[in-house]
Amino acid sequence: MEKIVEQGLLYDFYGELLTEHQKQIYEAAVYNDMSLTEIADEHGISKQGVHDLIKRCTKSLQEYEDKLHMIRRFEAIKTQAERLKDASGGDKDLLDISEKILEELG
């Protein structure tokens, strides 16, 4: 389960850097939970081709994260905003700021 969440985050942040074909295959596997056989049949490629493409995409997306650290930064900002919200002590301005930050982060 955790691997799927990680793949989803990587795709959310860096998916636009993939080709359209790569995005279609990756989305089918990660978001639509389709089997390799189903994806292969739908896209007219081999099951091994689907497997290799998903593996390459995951590696590419992870390499982007290793270089850019956008997910790590996102999670750090979210944690700090949650801490700010908890520590606001009822201060409306701090509470509003932290809630707006958390809303923006999704």
PDB file of N, CA and C in Angstrom:
ATOM      1  N   MET A   1       0.826  -1.205   0.000  1.00  0.00           N
ATOM      2  CA  MET A   1       0.000   0.000   0.000  1.00  0.00           C
ATOM      3  C   MET A   1       0.862   1.259   0.000  1.00  0.00           C
ATOM      4  N   GLU A   2       1.898   1.281   0.819  1.00  0.00           N
ATOM      5  CA  GLU A   2       2.746   2.457   0.911  1.00  0.00           C
ATOM      6  C   GLU A   2       3.430   2.761  -0.419  1.00  0.00           C
ATOM      7  N   LYS A   3       3.784   1.723  -1.167  1.00  0.00           N
ATOM      8  CA  LYS A   3       4.426   1.910  -2.461  1.00  0.00           C
ATOM      9  C   LYS A   3       3.489   2.643  -3.427  1.00  0.00           C
ATOM     10  N   ILE A   4       2.214   2.296  -3.401  1.00  0.00           N
ATOM     11  CA  ILE A   4       1.234   2.959  -4.269  1.00  0.00           C
ATOM     12  C   ILE A   4       1.105   4.435  -3.899  1.00  0.00           C
ATOM     13  N   VAL A   5       1.097   4.729  -2.612  1.00  0.00           N
ATOM     14  CA  VAL A   5       1.004   6.124  -2.162  1.00  0.00           C
ATOM     15  C   VAL A   5       2.234   6.892  -2.633  1.00  0.00           C
ATOM     16  N   GLU A   6       3.396   6.281  -2.476  1.00  0.00           N
ATOM     17  CA  GLU A   6       4.638   6.921  -2.914  1.00  0.00           C
ATOM     18  C   GLU A   6       4.626   7.162  -4.424  1.00  0.00           C
ATOM     19  N   GLN A   7       4.178   6.158  -5.194  1.00  0.00           N
ATOM     20  CA  GLN A   7       4.103   6.318  -6.647  1.00  0.00           C
ATOM     21  C   GLN A   7       3.126   7.434  -7.012  1.00  0.00           C
ATOM     22  N   GLY A   8       2.022   7.501  -6.294  1.00  0.00           N
ATOM     23  CA  GLY A   8       1.041   8.555  -6.545  1.00  0.00           C
ATOM     24  C   GLY A   8       1.604   9.938  -6.284  1.00  0.00           C
ATOM     25  N   LEU A   9       2.335  10.086  -5.191  1.00  0.00           N
ATOM     26  CA  LEU A   9       2.960  11.375  -4.875  1.00  0.00           C
ATOM     27  C   LEU A   9       3.991  11.756  -5.932  1.00  0.00           C
ATOM     28  N   LEU A  10       4.831  10.797  -6.303  1.00  0.00           N
ATOM     29  CA  LEU A  10       5.831  11.076  -7.334  1.00  0.00           C
ATOM     30  C   LEU A  10       5.154  11.534  -8.624  1.00  0.00           C
ATOM     31  N   TYR A  11       4.084  10.857  -8.985  1.00  0.00           N
ATOM     32  CA  TYR A  11       3.376  11.219 -10.217  1.00  0.00           C
ATOM     33  C   TYR A  11       2.713  12.589 -10.089  1.00  0.00           C
ATOM     34  N   ASP A  12       2.120  12.872  -8.928  1.00  0.00           N
ATOM     35  CA  ASP A  12       1.480  14.164  -8.721  1.00  0.00           C
ATOM     36  C   ASP A  12       2.469  15.313  -8.900  1.00  0.00           C
ATOM     37  N   PHE A  13       3.669  15.135  -8.410  1.00  0.00           N
ATOM     38  CA  PHE A  13       4.660  16.202  -8.480  1.00  0.00           C
ATOM     39  C   PHE A  13       5.403  16.255  -9.806  1.00  0.00           C
ATOM     40  N   TYR A  14       5.706  15.115 -10.382  1.00  0.00           N
ATOM     41  CA  TYR A  14       6.590  15.085 -11.547  1.00  0.00           C
ATOM     42  C   TYR A  14       5.989  14.441 -12.788  1.00  0.00           C
ATOM     43  N   GLY A  15       4.748  14.026 -12.728  1.00  0.00           N
ATOM     44  CA  GLY A  15       4.128  13.308 -13.838  1.00  0.00           C
ATOM     45  C   GLY A  15       4.112  14.074 -15.150  1.00  0.00           C
ATOM     46  N   GLU A  16       4.038  15.387 -15.077  1.00  0.00           N
ATOM     47  CA  GLU A  16       4.007  16.191 -16.311  1.00  0.00           C
ATOM     48  C   GLU A  16       5.313  16.116 -17.085  1.00  0.00           C
ATOM     49  N   LEU A  17       6.347  15.586 -16.465  1.00  0.00           N
ATOM     50  CA  LEU A  17       7.634  15.448 -17.144  1.00  0.00           C
ATOM     51  C   LEU A  17       7.717  14.165 -17.971  1.00  0.00           C
ATOM     52  N   LEU A  18       6.717  13.312 -17.844  1.00  0.00           N
ATOM     53  CA  LEU A  18       6.653  12.090 -18.637  1.00  0.00           C
ATOM     54  C   LEU A  18       5.991  12.374 -19.983  1.00  0.00           C
ATOM     55  N   THR A  19       6.235  11.505 -20.952  1.00  0.00           N
ATOM     56  CA  THR A  19       5.559  11.637 -22.242  1.00  0.00           C
ATOM     57  C   THR A  19       4.082  11.261 -22.064  1.00  0.00           C
ATOM     58  N   GLU A  20       3.279  11.591 -23.032  1.00  0.00           N
ATOM     59  CA  GLU A  20       1.844  11.272 -22.956  1.00  0.00           C
ATOM     60  C   GLU A  20       1.636   9.757 -22.854  1.00  0.00           C
ATOM     61  N   HIS A  21       2.380   9.006 -23.633  1.00  0.00           N
ATOM     62  CA  HIS A  21       2.275   7.542 -23.599  1.00  0.00           C
ATOM     63  C   HIS A  21       2.649   7.007 -22.217  1.00  0.00           C
ATOM     64  N   GLN A  22       3.740   7.495 -21.675  1.00  0.00           N
ATOM     65  CA  GLN A  22       4.166   7.072 -20.345  1.00  0.00           C
ATOM     66  C   GLN A  22       3.095   7.399 -19.300  1.00  0.00           C
ATOM     67  N   LYS A  23       2.530   8.594 -19.401  1.00  0.00           N
ATOM     68  CA  LYS A  23       1.485   8.994 -18.445  1.00  0.00           C
ATOM     69  C   LYS A  23       0.290   8.061 -18.518  1.00  0.00           C
ATOM     70  N   GLN A  24      -0.143   7.707 -19.726  1.00  0.00           N
ATOM     71  CA  GLN A  24      -1.300   6.824 -19.878  1.00  0.00           C
ATOM     72  C   GLN A  24      -1.052   5.466 -19.226  1.00  0.00           C
ATOM     73  N   ILE A  25       0.104   4.897 -19.471  1.00  0.00           N
ATOM     74  CA  ILE A  25       0.437   3.587 -18.918  1.00  0.00           C
ATOM     75  C   ILE A  25       0.574   3.673 -17.401  1.00  0.00           C
ATOM     76  N   TYR A  26       1.289   4.671 -16.939  1.00  0.00           N
ATOM     77  CA  TYR A  26       1.526   4.820 -15.499  1.00  0.00           C
ATOM     78  C   TYR A  26       0.219   5.054 -14.746  1.00  0.00           C
ATOM     79  N   GLU A  27      -0.638   5.907 -15.286  1.00  0.00           N
ATOM     80  CA  GLU A  27      -1.940   6.163 -14.648  1.00  0.00           C
ATOM     81  C   GLU A  27      -2.790   4.900 -14.607  1.00  0.00           C
ATOM     82  N   ALA A  28      -2.755   4.134 -15.682  1.00  0.00           N
ATOM     83  CA  ALA A  28      -3.537   2.898 -15.720  1.00  0.00           C
ATOM     84  C   ALA A  28      -3.086   1.944 -14.622  1.00  0.00           C
ATOM     85  N   ALA A  29      -1.797   1.868 -14.405  1.00  0.00           N
ATOM     86  CA  ALA A  29      -1.261   0.949 -13.398  1.00  0.00           C
ATOM     87  C   ALA A  29      -1.454   1.474 -11.985  1.00  0.00           C
ATOM     88  N   VAL A  30      -1.117   2.735 -11.760  1.00  0.00           N
ATOM     89  CA  VAL A  30      -1.105   3.277 -10.398  1.00  0.00           C
ATOM     90  C   VAL A  30      -2.481   3.746  -9.951  1.00  0.00           C
ATOM     91  N   TYR A  31      -3.155   4.508 -10.781  1.00  0.00           N
ATOM     92  CA  TYR A  31      -4.433   5.092 -10.363  1.00  0.00           C
ATOM     93  C   TYR A  31      -5.634   4.198 -10.657  1.00  0.00           C
ATOM     94  N   ASN A  32      -5.586   3.493 -11.782  1.00  0.00           N
ATOM     95  CA  ASN A  32      -6.728   2.663 -12.169  1.00  0.00           C
ATOM     96  C   ASN A  32      -6.569   1.209 -11.741  1.00  0.00           C
ATOM     97  N   ASP A  33      -5.410   0.898 -11.157  1.00  0.00           N
ATOM     98  CA  ASP A  33      -5.135  -0.439 -10.624  1.00  0.00           C
ATOM     99  C   ASP A  33      -5.395  -1.538 -11.658  1.00  0.00           C
ATOM    100  N   MET A  34      -5.037  -1.259 -12.902  1.00  0.00           N
ATOM    101  CA  MET A  34      -5.202  -2.249 -13.965  1.00  0.00           C
ATOM    102  C   MET A  34      -4.026  -3.214 -13.940  1.00  0.00           C
ATOM    103  N   SER A  35      -4.267  -4.437 -14.344  1.00  0.00           N
ATOM    104  CA  SER A  35      -3.192  -5.430 -14.411  1.00  0.00           C
ATOM    105  C   SER A  35      -2.307  -5.135 -15.622  1.00  0.00           C
ATOM    106  N   LEU A  36      -1.119  -5.706 -15.593  1.00  0.00           N
ATOM    107  CA  LEU A  36      -0.208  -5.539 -16.730  1.00  0.00           C
ATOM    108  C   LEU A  36      -0.836  -6.065 -18.011  1.00  0.00           C
ATOM    109  N   THR A  37      -1.542  -7.175 -17.910  1.00  0.00           N
ATOM    110  CA  THR A  37      -2.193  -7.775 -19.074  1.00  0.00           C
ATOM    111  C   THR A  37      -3.273  -6.848 -19.628  1.00  0.00           C
ATOM    112  N   GLU A  38      -4.077  -6.275 -18.747  1.00  0.00           N
ATOM    113  CA  GLU A  38      -5.136  -5.350 -19.194  1.00  0.00           C
ATOM    114  C   GLU A  38      -4.537  -4.136 -19.901  1.00  0.00           C
ATOM    115  N   ILE A  39      -3.486  -3.593 -19.325  1.00  0.00           N
ATOM    116  CA  ILE A  39      -2.834  -2.419 -19.918  1.00  0.00           C
ATOM    117  C   ILE A  39      -2.223  -2.785 -21.266  1.00  0.00           C
ATOM    118  N   ALA A  40      -1.555  -3.930 -21.313  1.00  0.00           N
ATOM    119  CA  ALA A  40      -0.925  -4.383 -22.560  1.00  0.00           C
ATOM    120  C   ALA A  40      -1.963  -4.547 -23.660  1.00  0.00           C
ATOM    121  N   ASP A  41      -3.080  -5.177 -23.328  1.00  0.00           N
ATOM    122  CA  ASP A  41      -4.145  -5.381 -24.322  1.00  0.00           C
ATOM    123  C   ASP A  41      -4.711  -4.046 -24.798  1.00  0.00           C
ATOM    124  N   GLU A  42      -4.916  -3.130 -23.881  1.00  0.00           N
ATOM    125  CA  GLU A  42      -5.522  -1.841 -24.223  1.00  0.00           C
ATOM    126  C   GLU A  42      -4.600  -0.981 -25.086  1.00  0.00           C
ATOM    127  N   HIS A  43      -3.297  -1.105 -24.872  1.00  0.00           N
ATOM    128  CA  HIS A  43      -2.349  -0.237 -25.581  1.00  0.00           C
ATOM    129  C   HIS A  43      -1.579  -0.953 -26.689  1.00  0.00           C
ATOM    130  N   GLY A  44      -1.878  -2.225 -26.893  1.00  0.00           N
ATOM    131  CA  GLY A  44      -1.250  -2.952 -27.988  1.00  0.00           C
ATOM    132  C   GLY A  44       0.235  -3.178 -27.817  1.00  0.00           C
ATOM    133  N   ILE A  45       0.672  -3.366 -26.579  1.00  0.00           N
ATOM    134  CA  ILE A  45       2.083  -3.664 -26.325  1.00  0.00           C
ATOM    135  C   ILE A  45       2.151  -4.926 -25.460  1.00  0.00           C
ATOM    136  N   SER A  46       3.349  -5.448 -25.288  1.00  0.00           N
ATOM    137  CA  SER A  46       3.495  -6.681 -24.513  1.00  0.00           C
ATOM    138  C   SER A  46       3.397  -6.400 -23.015  1.00  0.00           C
ATOM    139  N   LYS A  47       3.070  -7.434 -22.292  1.00  0.00           N
ATOM    140  CA  LYS A  47       3.001  -7.344 -20.837  1.00  0.00           C
ATOM    141  C   LYS A  47       4.372  -6.941 -20.284  1.00  0.00           C
ATOM    142  N   GLN A  48       5.440  -7.512 -20.853  1.00  0.00           N
ATOM    143  CA  GLN A  48       6.799  -7.168 -20.431  1.00  0.00           C
ATOM    144  C   GLN A  48       7.102  -5.704 -20.737  1.00  0.00           C
ATOM    145  N   GLY A  49       6.602  -5.231 -21.875  1.00  0.00           N
ATOM    146  CA  GLY A  49       6.785  -3.821 -22.231  1.00  0.00           C
ATOM    147  C   GLY A  49       6.126  -2.890 -21.219  1.00  0.00           C
ATOM    148  N   VAL A  50       4.937  -3.260 -20.775  1.00  0.00           N
ATOM    149  CA  VAL A  50       4.238  -2.469 -19.756  1.00  0.00           C
ATOM    150  C   VAL A  50       5.041  -2.464 -18.467  1.00  0.00           C
ATOM    151  N   HIS A  51       5.484  -3.629 -18.047  1.00  0.00           N
ATOM    152  CA  HIS A  51       6.263  -3.748 -16.815  1.00  0.00           C
ATOM    153  C   HIS A  51       7.511  -2.877 -16.878  1.00  0.00           C
ATOM    154  N   ASP A  52       8.246  -2.985 -17.983  1.00  0.00           N
ATOM    155  CA  ASP A  52       9.478  -2.210 -18.147  1.00  0.00           C
ATOM    156  C   ASP A  52       9.196  -0.706 -18.143  1.00  0.00           C
ATOM    157  N   LEU A  53       8.121  -0.302 -18.819  1.00  0.00           N
ATOM    158  CA  LEU A  53       7.784   1.117 -18.894  1.00  0.00           C
ATOM    159  C   LEU A  53       7.439   1.670 -17.515  1.00  0.00           C
ATOM    160  N   ILE A  54       6.661   0.934 -16.751  1.00  0.00           N
ATOM    161  CA  ILE A  54       6.289   1.377 -15.400  1.00  0.00           C
ATOM    162  C   ILE A  54       7.540   1.475 -14.526  1.00  0.00           C
ATOM    163  N   LYS A  55       8.402   0.512 -14.649  1.00  0.00           N
ATOM    164  CA  LYS A  55       9.643   0.509 -13.869  1.00  0.00           C
ATOM    165  C   LYS A  55      10.519   1.717 -14.237  1.00  0.00           C
ATOM    166  N   ARG A  56      10.650   1.993 -15.535  1.00  0.00           N
ATOM    167  CA  ARG A  56      11.447   3.146 -15.993  1.00  0.00           C
ATOM    168  C   ARG A  56      10.833   4.462 -15.526  1.00  0.00           C
ATOM    169  N   CYS A  57       9.510   4.550 -15.614  1.00  0.00           N
ATOM    170  CA  CYS A  57       8.824   5.772 -15.176  1.00  0.00           C
ATOM    171  C   CYS A  57       9.040   6.006 -13.688  1.00  0.00           C
ATOM    172  N   THR A  58       8.875   4.959 -12.901  1.00  0.00           N
ATOM    173  CA  THR A  58       9.064   5.085 -11.455  1.00  0.00           C
ATOM    174  C   THR A  58      10.486   5.525 -11.148  1.00  0.00           C
ATOM    175  N   LYS A  59      11.449   4.942 -11.842  1.00  0.00           N
ATOM    176  CA  LYS A  59      12.853   5.315 -11.644  1.00  0.00           C
ATOM    177  C   LYS A  59      13.079   6.778 -12.018  1.00  0.00           C
ATOM    178  N   SER A  60      12.530   7.205 -13.139  1.00  0.00           N
ATOM    179  CA  SER A  60      12.680   8.602 -13.565  1.00  0.00           C
ATOM    180  C   SER A  60      12.058   9.558 -12.558  1.00  0.00           C
ATOM    181  N   LEU A  61      10.851   9.247 -12.127  1.00  0.00           N
ATOM    182  CA  LEU A  61      10.164  10.105 -11.159  1.00  0.00           C
ATOM    183  C   LEU A  61      10.941  10.179  -9.849  1.00  0.00           C
ATOM    184  N   GLN A  62      11.489   9.053  -9.416  1.00  0.00           N
ATOM    185  CA  GLN A  62      12.281   9.041  -8.178  1.00  0.00           C
ATOM    186  C   GLN A  62      13.563   9.852  -8.351  1.00  0.00           C
ATOM    187  N   GLU A  63      14.165   9.795  -9.523  1.00  0.00           N
ATOM    188  CA  GLU A  63      15.372  10.581  -9.782  1.00  0.00           C
ATOM    189  C   GLU A  63      15.074  12.075  -9.742  1.00  0.00           C
ATOM    190  N   TYR A  64      13.903  12.482 -10.251  1.00  0.00           N
ATOM    191  CA  TYR A  64      13.506  13.890 -10.150  1.00  0.00           C
ATOM    192  C   TYR A  64      13.398  14.295  -8.686  1.00  0.00           C
ATOM    193  N   GLU A  65      12.769  13.454  -7.877  1.00  0.00           N
ATOM    194  CA  GLU A  65      12.639  13.768  -6.449  1.00  0.00           C
ATOM    195  C   GLU A  65      14.004  13.812  -5.773  1.00  0.00           C
ATOM    196  N   ASP A  66      14.890  12.895  -6.126  1.00  0.00           N
ATOM    197  CA  ASP A  66      16.225  12.871  -5.533  1.00  0.00           C
ATOM    198  C   ASP A  66      16.999  14.151  -5.835  1.00  0.00           C
ATOM    199  N   LYS A  67      16.728  14.761  -6.973  1.00  0.00           N
ATOM    200  CA  LYS A  67      17.422  15.985  -7.357  1.00  0.00           C
ATOM    201  C   LYS A  67      16.714  17.240  -6.869  1.00  0.00           C
ATOM    202  N   LEU A  68      15.398  17.255  -6.911  1.00  0.00           N
ATOM    203  CA  LEU A  68      14.635  18.480  -6.630  1.00  0.00           C
ATOM    204  C   LEU A  68      14.038  18.549  -5.221  1.00  0.00           C
ATOM    205  N   HIS A  69      13.794  17.428  -4.612  1.00  0.00           N
ATOM    206  CA  HIS A  69      13.273  17.336  -3.235  1.00  0.00           C
ATOM    207  C   HIS A  69      11.950  18.061  -3.018  1.00  0.00           C
ATOM    208  N   MET A  70      11.104  18.109  -4.034  1.00  0.00           N
ATOM    209  CA  MET A  70       9.833  18.830  -3.899  1.00  0.00           C
ATOM    210  C   MET A  70       8.879  18.133  -2.931  1.00  0.00           C
ATOM    211  N   ILE A  71       8.834  16.825  -2.943  1.00  0.00           N
ATOM    212  CA  ILE A  71       7.940  16.098  -2.031  1.00  0.00           C
ATOM    213  C   ILE A  71       8.422  16.270  -0.598  1.00  0.00           C
ATOM    214  N   ARG A  72       9.718  16.152  -0.403  1.00  0.00           N
ATOM    215  CA  ARG A  72      10.277  16.330   0.942  1.00  0.00           C
ATOM    216  C   ARG A  72       9.965  17.730   1.470  1.00  0.00           C
ATOM    217  N   ARG A  73      10.120  18.725   0.626  1.00  0.00           N
ATOM    218  CA  ARG A  73       9.824  20.105   1.046  1.00  0.00           C
ATOM    219  C   ARG A  73       8.335  20.286   1.323  1.00  0.00           C
ATOM    220  N   PHE A  74       7.505  19.710   0.464  1.00  0.00           N
ATOM    221  CA  PHE A  74       6.059  19.770   0.645  1.00  0.00           C
ATOM    222  C   PHE A  74       5.668  19.197   2.007  1.00  0.00           C
ATOM    223  N   GLU A  75       6.193  18.023   2.328  1.00  0.00           N
ATOM    224  CA  GLU A  75       5.856  17.373   3.590  1.00  0.00           C
ATOM    225  C   GLU A  75       6.373  18.173   4.779  1.00  0.00           C
ATOM    226  N   ALA A  76       7.556  18.778   4.660  1.00  0.00           N
ATOM    227  CA  ALA A  76       8.103  19.597   5.746  1.00  0.00           C
ATOM    228  C   ALA A  76       7.236  20.833   5.983  1.00  0.00           C
ATOM    229  N   ILE A  77       6.807  21.487   4.919  1.00  0.00           N
ATOM    230  CA  ILE A  77       5.952  22.671   5.051  1.00  0.00           C
ATOM    231  C   ILE A  77       4.614  22.284   5.666  1.00  0.00           C
ATOM    232  N   LYS A  78       4.062  21.173   5.227  1.00  0.00           N
ATOM    233  CA  LYS A  78       2.780  20.711   5.772  1.00  0.00           C
ATOM    234  C   LYS A  78       2.898  20.423   7.269  1.00  0.00           C
ATOM    235  N   THR A  79       3.979  19.773   7.665  1.00  0.00           N
ATOM    236  CA  THR A  79       4.198  19.471   9.083  1.00  0.00           C
ATOM    237  C   THR A  79       4.313  20.755   9.897  1.00  0.00           C
ATOM    238  N   GLN A  80       5.049  21.719   9.381  1.00  0.00           N
ATOM    239  CA  GLN A  80       5.219  22.985  10.103  1.00  0.00           C
ATOM    240  C   GLN A  80       3.903  23.754  10.198  1.00  0.00           C
ATOM    241  N   ALA A  81       3.106  23.720   9.143  1.00  0.00           N
ATOM    242  CA  ALA A  81       1.805  24.398   9.169  1.00  0.00           C
ATOM    243  C   ALA A  81       0.882  23.737  10.190  1.00  0.00           C
ATOM    244  N   GLU A  82       0.936  22.414  10.279  1.00  0.00           N
ATOM    245  CA  GLU A  82       0.130  21.706  11.281  1.00  0.00           C
ATOM    246  C   GLU A  82       0.599  22.040  12.688  1.00  0.00           C
ATOM    247  N   ARG A  83       1.902  22.151  12.876  1.00  0.00           N
ATOM    248  CA  ARG A  83       2.442  22.541  14.191  1.00  0.00           C
ATOM    249  C   ARG A  83       2.021  23.956  14.536  1.00  0.00           C
ATOM    250  N   LEU A  84       2.051  24.849  13.555  1.00  0.00           N
ATOM    251  CA  LEU A  84       1.620  26.226  13.779  1.00  0.00           C
ATOM    252  C   LEU A  84       0.156  26.267  14.193  1.00  0.00           C
ATOM    253  N   LYS A  85      -0.652  25.484  13.512  1.00  0.00           N
ATOM    254  CA  LYS A  85      -2.083  25.417  13.835  1.00  0.00           C
ATOM    255  C   LYS A  85      -2.282  24.921  15.267  1.00  0.00           C
ATOM    256  N   ASP A  86      -1.573  23.871  15.640  1.00  0.00           N
ATOM    257  CA  ASP A  86      -1.683  23.324  16.993  1.00  0.00           C
ATOM    258  C   ASP A  86      -1.186  24.294  18.050  1.00  0.00           C
ATOM    259  N   ALA A  87      -0.161  25.084  17.709  1.00  0.00           N
ATOM    260  CA  ALA A  87       0.447  26.001  18.673  1.00  0.00           C
ATOM    261  C   ALA A  87      -0.201  27.386  18.676  1.00  0.00           C
ATOM    262  N   SER A  88      -1.207  27.589  17.835  1.00  0.00           N
ATOM    263  CA  SER A  88      -1.804  28.923  17.713  1.00  0.00           C
ATOM    264  C   SER A  88      -2.449  29.398  19.009  1.00  0.00           C
ATOM    265  N   GLY A  89      -2.812  28.472  19.855  1.00  0.00           N
ATOM    266  CA  GLY A  89      -3.390  28.855  21.145  1.00  0.00           C
ATOM    267  C   GLY A  89      -4.628  29.718  21.011  1.00  0.00           C
ATOM    268  N   GLY A  90      -5.368  29.507  19.948  1.00  0.00           N
ATOM    269  CA  GLY A  90      -6.593  30.277  19.758  1.00  0.00           C
ATOM    270  C   GLY A  90      -6.380  31.616  19.066  1.00  0.00           C
ATOM    271  N   ASP A  91      -5.128  31.971  18.765  1.00  0.00           N
ATOM    272  CA  ASP A  91      -4.852  33.223  18.054  1.00  0.00           C
ATOM    273  C   ASP A  91      -5.446  33.111  16.656  1.00  0.00           C
ATOM    274  N   LYS A  92      -6.462  33.898  16.391  1.00  0.00           N
ATOM    275  CA  LYS A  92      -7.203  33.791  15.131  1.00  0.00           C
ATOM    276  C   LYS A  92      -6.310  34.017  13.913  1.00  0.00           C
ATOM    277  N   ASP A  93      -5.414  34.987  13.984  1.00  0.00           N
ATOM    278  CA  ASP A  93      -4.535  35.260  12.836  1.00  0.00           C
ATOM    279  C   ASP A  93      -3.640  34.057  12.524  1.00  0.00           C
ATOM    280  N   LEU A  94      -3.017  33.483  13.556  1.00  0.00           N
ATOM    281  CA  LEU A  94      -2.160  32.321  13.336  1.00  0.00           C
ATOM    282  C   LEU A  94      -2.966  31.123  12.845  1.00  0.00           C
ATOM    283  N   LEU A  95      -4.137  30.958  13.403  1.00  0.00           N
ATOM    284  CA  LEU A  95      -4.999  29.861  12.984  1.00  0.00           C
ATOM    285  C   LEU A  95      -5.407  30.015  11.520  1.00  0.00           C
ATOM    286  N   ASP A  96      -5.781  31.234  11.127  1.00  0.00           N
ATOM    287  CA  ASP A  96      -6.157  31.499   9.731  1.00  0.00           C
ATOM    288  C   ASP A  96      -4.990  31.250   8.777  1.00  0.00           C
ATOM    289  N   ILE A  97      -3.802  31.718   9.161  1.00  0.00           N
ATOM    290  CA  ILE A  97      -2.622  31.531   8.314  1.00  0.00           C
ATOM    291  C   ILE A  97      -2.328  30.048   8.135  1.00  0.00           C
ATOM    292  N   SER A  98      -2.326  29.310   9.233  1.00  0.00           N
ATOM    293  CA  SER A  98      -2.006  27.883   9.144  1.00  0.00           C
ATOM    294  C   SER A  98      -3.059  27.131   8.342  1.00  0.00           C
ATOM    295  N   GLU A  99      -4.315  27.477   8.507  1.00  0.00           N
ATOM    296  CA  GLU A  99      -5.373  26.816   7.750  1.00  0.00           C
ATOM    297  C   GLU A  99      -5.280  27.123   6.259  1.00  0.00           C
ATOM    298  N   LYS A 100      -4.910  28.366   5.912  1.00  0.00           N
ATOM    299  CA  LYS A 100      -4.746  28.717   4.498  1.00  0.00           C
ATOM    300  C   LYS A 100      -3.578  27.957   3.870  1.00  0.00           C
ATOM    301  N   ILE A 101      -2.499  27.826   4.620  1.00  0.00           N
ATOM    302  CA  ILE A 101      -1.343  27.082   4.121  1.00  0.00           C
ATOM    303  C   ILE A 101      -1.732  25.624   3.900  1.00  0.00           C
ATOM    304  N   LEU A 102      -2.387  25.032   4.874  1.00  0.00           N
ATOM    305  CA  LEU A 102      -2.800  23.629   4.746  1.00  0.00           C
ATOM    306  C   LEU A 102      -3.801  23.433   3.613  1.00  0.00           C
ATOM    307  N   GLU A 103      -4.668  24.394   3.419  1.00  0.00           N
ATOM    308  CA  GLU A 103      -5.637  24.317   2.316  1.00  0.00           C
ATOM    309  C   GLU A 103      -4.913  24.369   0.975  1.00  0.00           C
ATOM    310  N   GLU A 104      -3.930  25.247   0.854  1.00  0.00           N
ATOM    311  CA  GLU A 104      -3.158  25.345  -0.389  1.00  0.00           C
ATOM    312  C   GLU A 104      -2.395  24.076  -0.682  1.00  0.00           C
ATOM    313  N   LEU A 105      -1.897  23.433   0.360  1.00  0.00           N
ATOM    314  CA  LEU A 105      -1.122  22.214   0.187  1.00  0.00           C
ATOM    315  C   LEU A 105      -1.997  21.015  -0.160  1.00  0.00           C
ATOM    316  N   GLY A 106      -3.270  21.137   0.146  1.00  0.00           N
ATOM    317  CA  GLY A 106      -4.200  20.060  -0.194  1.00  0.00           C
ATOM    318  C   GLY A 106      -4.275  19.048   0.827  1.00  0.00           C
TER     319      GLY A 106
END
